[in-house]
Amino acid sequence: MLINSNTSSSIKDKNMELKIRILNDIVPSFVDYPDNESVSLCVVMMGCIHHCVNCQNPLFQNANYNEGTRVVTVSELKSELIELCKRNRTNKIVLSGGDSLFPGNIDFTKELINEMKDEYDFCVYTGYEIDYVKENNVKGFKFVKCGRYIDSQKRQSDKTDEKIIFASPNQTLYNGDYELLSENGVYYFNKN
């Protein structure tokens, strides 16, 4: 199935289910979720229009990139995530990419979060700014990391017991109420 990289919404199959292309492996990660104690599952979605210089996943900008990827429906991914969360003893899920709010992914992302938000905590990674998130009525996440990677401002991303540092200082972290949590691309976990 080809996914239109210029579409404004996720592709629907003949049963009217949303579909997107993701990386085959959904892997546990300690470094991607913005807290100092949780393992999360990282779902990597294909498709991105930001074209950041020295992007860490330039092949994933193509919504149809098919090497090591597969097409899933919301219900298929939801079932898989429930099972993987049980196996990895977590309720934390990171939606990454590409870009999880890429026009071809946004409806899928919103539906997935809406179906799972009562029991699972989502962190959405996007190159878009928070105004885009608000305008597109993306809700139900615990965190959203916004902002394109800017190569001229690059630094080593890192996660310690005290903080998470994003790859460029313009990247910002917000909570589910769209409140800014980070400063200069750094989020302190226990800041009072």
C-alpha atoms as a PDB file:
ATOM      1  CA  MET A   1       0.000   0.000   0.000  1.00  0.00           C
ATOM      2  CA  LEU A   2       1.371   3.393  -0.990  1.00  0.00           C
ATOM      3  CA  ILE A   3       0.743   6.216   1.421  1.00  0.00           C
ATOM      4  CA  ASN A   4       0.377   9.645  -0.149  1.00  0.00           C
ATOM      5  CA  SER A   5       3.156  11.754   1.326  1.00  0.00           C
ATOM      6  CA  ASN A   6       1.202  14.938   0.550  1.00  0.00           C
ATOM      7  CA  THR A   7      -2.069  13.862   2.139  1.00  0.00           C
ATOM      8  CA  SER A   8      -3.655  15.844   4.942  1.00  0.00           C
ATOM      9  CA  SER A   9      -4.892  12.759   6.750  1.00  0.00           C
ATOM     10  CA  SER A  10      -3.933   9.155   7.289  1.00  0.00           C
ATOM     11  CA  ILE A  11      -4.933   6.618   4.644  1.00  0.00           C
ATOM     12  CA  LYS A  12      -8.117   4.628   5.269  1.00  0.00           C
ATOM     13  CA  ASP A  13      -8.510   1.057   4.070  1.00  0.00           C
ATOM     14  CA  LYS A  14     -11.702  -0.425   2.586  1.00  0.00           C
ATOM     15  CA  ASN A  15     -13.034  -0.982   6.121  1.00  0.00           C
ATOM     16  CA  MET A  16     -12.495   2.733   6.840  1.00  0.00           C
ATOM     17  CA  GLU A  17      -9.665   2.069   9.281  1.00  0.00           C
ATOM     18  CA  LEU A  18      -6.783   4.531   9.386  1.00  0.00           C
ATOM     19  CA  LYS A  19      -3.409   3.110   8.313  1.00  0.00           C
ATOM     20  CA  ILE A  20       0.155   4.374   8.493  1.00  0.00           C
ATOM     21  CA  ARG A  21       3.621   2.952   7.930  1.00  0.00           C
ATOM     22  CA  ILE A  22       5.824   2.350  10.985  1.00  0.00           C
ATOM     23  CA  LEU A  23       9.231   0.838  11.634  1.00  0.00           C
ATOM     24  CA  ASN A  24       8.867  -2.934  12.133  1.00  0.00           C
ATOM     25  CA  ASP A  25      10.380  -3.015  15.598  1.00  0.00           C
ATOM     26  CA  ILE A  26       8.713  -1.273  18.517  1.00  0.00           C
ATOM     27  CA  VAL A  27      11.519  -1.205  21.027  1.00  0.00           C
ATOM     28  CA  PRO A  28      11.750  -0.436  24.734  1.00  0.00           C
ATOM     29  CA  SER A  29      13.730   2.704  25.486  1.00  0.00           C
ATOM     30  CA  PHE A  30      14.844   4.464  28.641  1.00  0.00           C
ATOM     31  CA  VAL A  31      16.120   7.622  26.910  1.00  0.00           C
ATOM     32  CA  ASP A  32      13.050   8.800  24.984  1.00  0.00           C
ATOM     33  CA  TYR A  33      10.401   9.325  27.670  1.00  0.00           C
ATOM     34  CA  PRO A  34      10.823  12.537  29.713  1.00  0.00           C
ATOM     35  CA  ASP A  35      11.073  11.175  33.234  1.00  0.00           C
ATOM     36  CA  ASN A  36      13.898   9.634  35.227  1.00  0.00           C
ATOM     37  CA  GLU A  37      12.400   6.235  35.939  1.00  0.00           C
ATOM     38  CA  SER A  38      10.354   4.836  33.069  1.00  0.00           C
ATOM     39  CA  VAL A  39      10.995   2.520  30.209  1.00  0.00           C
ATOM     40  CA  SER A  40       8.811   3.422  27.246  1.00  0.00           C
ATOM     41  CA  LEU A  41       7.922   1.815  23.954  1.00  0.00           C
ATOM     42  CA  CYS A  42       9.004   3.815  20.923  1.00  0.00           C
ATOM     43  CA  VAL A  43       6.837   3.738  17.785  1.00  0.00           C
ATOM     44  CA  VAL A  44       8.637   5.232  14.766  1.00  0.00           C
ATOM     45  CA  MET A  45       6.248   6.549  12.098  1.00  0.00           C
ATOM     46  CA  MET A  46       7.250   7.207   8.491  1.00  0.00           C
ATOM     47  CA  GLY A  47       6.699  10.641   6.956  1.00  0.00           C
ATOM     48  CA  CYS A  48       8.077  14.110   7.668  1.00  0.00           C
ATOM     49  CA  ILE A  49       8.187  17.382   5.723  1.00  0.00           C
ATOM     50  CA  HIS A  50      10.643  19.353   7.878  1.00  0.00           C
ATOM     51  CA  HIS A  51      13.826  18.237   6.043  1.00  0.00           C
ATOM     52  CA  CYS A  52      16.103  19.156   8.951  1.00  0.00           C
ATOM     53  CA  VAL A  53      19.759  19.364   7.942  1.00  0.00           C
ATOM     54  CA  ASN A  54      21.540  16.221   9.208  1.00  0.00           C
ATOM     55  CA  CYS A  55      18.292  14.588  10.288  1.00  0.00           C
ATOM     56  CA  GLN A  56      18.981  11.445  12.326  1.00  0.00           C
ATOM     57  CA  ASN A  57      16.462   9.461  10.219  1.00  0.00           C
ATOM     58  CA  PRO A  58      16.417  11.061   6.718  1.00  0.00           C
ATOM     59  CA  LEU A  59      15.002   7.929   5.070  1.00  0.00           C
ATOM     60  CA  PHE A  60      11.998   8.087   7.395  1.00  0.00           C
ATOM     61  CA  GLN A  61      10.930  11.416   5.846  1.00  0.00           C
ATOM     62  CA  ASN A  62       9.425   9.331   3.039  1.00  0.00           C
ATOM     63  CA  ALA A  63       5.969   8.114   4.131  1.00  0.00           C
ATOM     64  CA  ASN A  64       6.389   5.151   1.740  1.00  0.00           C
ATOM     65  CA  TYR A  65       9.820   4.058   2.940  1.00  0.00           C
ATOM     66  CA  ASN A  66       9.397   0.291   3.071  1.00  0.00           C
ATOM     67  CA  GLU A  67      12.690  -1.238   4.162  1.00  0.00           C
ATOM     68  CA  GLY A  68      12.118  -2.654   7.652  1.00  0.00           C
ATOM     69  CA  THR A  69       8.669  -1.089   7.885  1.00  0.00           C
ATOM     70  CA  ARG A  70       5.053  -2.219   7.809  1.00  0.00           C
ATOM     71  CA  VAL A  71       1.595  -0.736   7.444  1.00  0.00           C
ATOM     72  CA  VAL A  72      -0.683  -0.943  10.508  1.00  0.00           C
ATOM     73  CA  THR A  73      -4.201   0.076  11.461  1.00  0.00           C
ATOM     74  CA  VAL A  74      -5.006   1.815  14.724  1.00  0.00           C
ATOM     75  CA  SER A  75      -6.583  -1.355  16.104  1.00  0.00           C
ATOM     76  CA  GLU A  76      -3.566  -3.486  15.125  1.00  0.00           C
ATOM     77  CA  LEU A  77      -1.083  -1.079  16.689  1.00  0.00           C
ATOM     78  CA  LYS A  78      -3.222  -0.661  19.798  1.00  0.00           C
ATOM     79  CA  SER A  79      -3.348  -4.452  20.346  1.00  0.00           C
ATOM     80  CA  GLU A  80       0.391  -4.762  19.816  1.00  0.00           C
ATOM     81  CA  LEU A  81       1.169  -1.891  22.189  1.00  0.00           C
ATOM     82  CA  ILE A  82      -1.056  -3.336  24.917  1.00  0.00           C
ATOM     83  CA  GLU A  83       0.807  -6.651  24.686  1.00  0.00           C
ATOM     84  CA  LEU A  84       4.256  -5.031  24.531  1.00  0.00           C
ATOM     85  CA  CYS A  85       3.445  -2.743  27.474  1.00  0.00           C
ATOM     86  CA  LYS A  86       2.489  -5.778  29.564  1.00  0.00           C
ATOM     87  CA  ARG A  87       5.660  -7.610  28.558  1.00  0.00           C
ATOM     88  CA  ASN A  88       7.856  -4.580  29.324  1.00  0.00           C
ATOM     89  CA  ARG A  89       5.927  -3.557  32.454  1.00  0.00           C
ATOM     90  CA  THR A  90       5.254  -0.020  31.313  1.00  0.00           C
ATOM     91  CA  ASN A  91       2.383   2.226  30.331  1.00  0.00           C
ATOM     92  CA  LYS A  92       4.633   4.799  28.612  1.00  0.00           C
ATOM     93  CA  ILE A  93       4.580   5.148  24.809  1.00  0.00           C
ATOM     94  CA  VAL A  94       6.631   7.520  22.643  1.00  0.00           C
ATOM     95  CA  LEU A  95       5.358   8.363  19.148  1.00  0.00           C
ATOM     96  CA  SER A  96       8.309   9.435  17.029  1.00  0.00           C
ATOM     97  CA  GLY A  97       9.453   9.360  13.447  1.00  0.00           C
ATOM     98  CA  GLY A  98       9.691  10.837  10.858  1.00  0.00           C
ATOM     99  CA  ASP A  99       7.068  12.932  12.541  1.00  0.00           C
ATOM    100  CA  SER A 100       4.067  11.586  14.412  1.00  0.00           C
ATOM    101  CA  LEU A 101       2.132  14.760  13.507  1.00  0.00           C
ATOM    102  CA  PHE A 102       3.105  14.701   9.817  1.00  0.00           C
ATOM    103  CA  PRO A 103      -0.102  15.386   7.821  1.00  0.00           C
ATOM    104  CA  GLY A 104      -0.321  11.711   6.812  1.00  0.00           C
ATOM    105  CA  ASN A 105       0.066  10.575  10.456  1.00  0.00           C
ATOM    106  CA  ILE A 106      -1.845  13.138  12.509  1.00  0.00           C
ATOM    107  CA  ASP A 107      -5.330  11.606  12.319  1.00  0.00           C
ATOM    108  CA  PHE A 108      -3.900   8.175  13.128  1.00  0.00           C
ATOM    109  CA  THR A 109      -1.934   9.595  16.071  1.00  0.00           C
ATOM    110  CA  LYS A 110      -4.981  11.412  17.439  1.00  0.00           C
ATOM    111  CA  GLU A 111      -7.176   8.308  17.178  1.00  0.00           C
ATOM    112  CA  LEU A 112      -4.543   6.032  18.759  1.00  0.00           C
ATOM    113  CA  ILE A 113      -4.023   8.388  21.700  1.00  0.00           C
ATOM    114  CA  ASN A 114      -7.760   8.879  22.141  1.00  0.00           C
ATOM    115  CA  GLU A 115      -8.338   5.116  22.311  1.00  0.00           C
ATOM    116  CA  MET A 116      -5.507   4.460  24.778  1.00  0.00           C
ATOM    117  CA  LYS A 117      -5.128   7.659  26.866  1.00  0.00           C
ATOM    118  CA  ASP A 118      -7.023   6.394  29.902  1.00  0.00           C
ATOM    119  CA  GLU A 119      -4.456   3.688  30.671  1.00  0.00           C
ATOM    120  CA  TYR A 120      -1.313   4.775  28.818  1.00  0.00           C
ATOM    121  CA  ASP A 121       0.897   7.875  28.950  1.00  0.00           C
ATOM    122  CA  PHE A 122       1.960   9.194  25.547  1.00  0.00           C
ATOM    123  CA  CYS A 123       4.855  11.438  24.623  1.00  0.00           C
ATOM    124  CA  VAL A 124       4.519  12.815  21.088  1.00  0.00           C
ATOM    125  CA  TYR A 125       7.663  13.896  19.236  1.00  0.00           C
ATOM    126  CA  THR A 126       7.077  16.444  16.468  1.00  0.00           C
ATOM    127  CA  GLY A 127       9.031  19.024  14.520  1.00  0.00           C
ATOM    128  CA  TYR A 128       6.004  21.300  14.547  1.00  0.00           C
ATOM    129  CA  GLU A 129       5.539  24.066  17.103  1.00  0.00           C
ATOM    130  CA  ILE A 130       2.940  23.992  19.875  1.00  0.00           C
ATOM    131  CA  ASP A 131       0.565  26.253  17.918  1.00  0.00           C
ATOM    132  CA  TYR A 132       0.275  23.519  15.261  1.00  0.00           C
ATOM    133  CA  VAL A 133      -0.501  20.967  17.986  1.00  0.00           C
ATOM    134  CA  LYS A 134      -3.236  23.218  19.418  1.00  0.00           C
ATOM    135  CA  GLU A 135      -4.684  24.189  16.004  1.00  0.00           C
ATOM    136  CA  ASN A 136      -4.987  20.512  15.076  1.00  0.00           C
ATOM    137  CA  ASN A 137      -6.642  19.687  18.398  1.00  0.00           C
ATOM    138  CA  VAL A 138      -4.084  17.067  19.387  1.00  0.00           C
ATOM    139  CA  LYS A 139      -4.942  16.085  22.966  1.00  0.00           C
ATOM    140  CA  GLY A 140      -4.698  13.227  25.425  1.00  0.00           C
ATOM    141  CA  PHE A 141      -0.895  13.062  25.570  1.00  0.00           C
ATOM    142  CA  LYS A 142       1.103  13.498  28.760  1.00  0.00           C
ATOM    143  CA  PHE A 143       3.987  15.249  26.952  1.00  0.00           C
ATOM    144  CA  VAL A 144       4.679  16.693  23.517  1.00  0.00           C
ATOM    145  CA  LYS A 145       8.190  17.592  22.385  1.00  0.00           C
ATOM    146  CA  CYS A 146       8.015  20.312  19.728  1.00  0.00           C
ATOM    147  CA  GLY A 147      10.507  21.929  17.390  1.00  0.00           C
ATOM    148  CA  ARG A 148      12.665  21.065  14.432  1.00  0.00           C
ATOM    149  CA  TYR A 149      16.229  19.902  14.907  1.00  0.00           C
ATOM    150  CA  ILE A 150      18.559  22.795  14.039  1.00  0.00           C
ATOM    151  CA  ASP A 151      21.952  21.445  13.022  1.00  0.00           C
ATOM    152  CA  SER A 152      23.769  24.764  13.569  1.00  0.00           C
ATOM    153  CA  GLN A 153      22.678  24.574  17.240  1.00  0.00           C
ATOM    154  CA  LYS A 154      23.296  20.856  17.693  1.00  0.00           C
ATOM    155  CA  ARG A 155      24.491  19.402  20.941  1.00  0.00           C
ATOM    156  CA  GLN A 156      24.626  15.947  22.463  1.00  0.00           C
ATOM    157  CA  SER A 157      21.178  14.884  23.601  1.00  0.00           C
ATOM    158  CA  ASP A 158      21.261  13.156  26.953  1.00  0.00           C
ATOM    159  CA  LYS A 159      19.157  11.870  29.810  1.00  0.00           C
ATOM    160  CA  THR A 160      20.277  11.680  33.435  1.00  0.00           C
ATOM    161  CA  ASP A 161      18.502  11.188  36.746  1.00  0.00           C
ATOM    162  CA  GLU A 162      17.866  14.945  36.853  1.00  0.00           C
ATOM    163  CA  LYS A 163      17.072  16.035  33.295  1.00  0.00           C
ATOM    164  CA  ILE A 164      16.624  15.330  29.622  1.00  0.00           C
ATOM    165  CA  ILE A 165      18.532  17.439  27.096  1.00  0.00           C
ATOM    166  CA  PHE A 166      17.181  17.715  23.554  1.00  0.00           C
ATOM    167  CA  ALA A 167      19.406  17.761  20.458  1.00  0.00           C
ATOM    168  CA  SER A 168      18.943  21.494  19.851  1.00  0.00           C
ATOM    169  CA  PRO A 169      17.995  24.172  22.399  1.00  0.00           C
ATOM    170  CA  ASN A 170      14.958  25.389  20.417  1.00  0.00           C
ATOM    171  CA  GLN A 171      13.165  22.074  21.080  1.00  0.00           C
ATOM    172  CA  THR A 172      10.520  22.439  23.772  1.00  0.00           C
ATOM    173  CA  LEU A 173       8.545  20.125  26.023  1.00  0.00           C
ATOM    174  CA  TYR A 174       4.918  20.759  26.973  1.00  0.00           C
ATOM    175  CA  ASN A 175       2.455  18.893  29.156  1.00  0.00           C
ATOM    176  CA  GLY A 176      -1.051  17.806  28.170  1.00  0.00           C
ATOM    177  CA  ASP A 177      -2.404  21.266  29.031  1.00  0.00           C
ATOM    178  CA  TYR A 178       0.061  22.846  26.548  1.00  0.00           C
ATOM    179  CA  GLU A 179       2.097  24.343  29.397  1.00  0.00           C
ATOM    180  CA  LEU A 180       5.802  24.824  28.701  1.00  0.00           C
ATOM    181  CA  LEU A 181       7.980  22.570  30.884  1.00  0.00           C
ATOM    182  CA  SER A 182      11.464  23.019  29.427  1.00  0.00           C
ATOM    183  CA  GLU A 183      13.915  25.848  29.023  1.00  0.00           C
ATOM    184  CA  ASN A 184      16.585  26.068  26.309  1.00  0.00           C
ATOM    185  CA  GLY A 185      15.861  22.472  25.302  1.00  0.00           C
ATOM    186  CA  VAL A 186      16.348  21.072  28.824  1.00  0.00           C
ATOM    187  CA  TYR A 187      13.647  19.573  31.043  1.00  0.00           C
ATOM    188  CA  TYR A 188      14.390  19.046  34.740  1.00  0.00           C
ATOM    189  CA  PHE A 189      12.332  16.176  36.169  1.00  0.00           C
ATOM    190  CA  ASN A 190      11.986  17.410  39.746  1.00  0.00           C
ATOM    191  CA  LYS A 191      11.931  21.155  39.224  1.00  0.00           C
ATOM    192  CA  ASN A 192       9.661  22.810  41.785  1.00  0.00           C
END
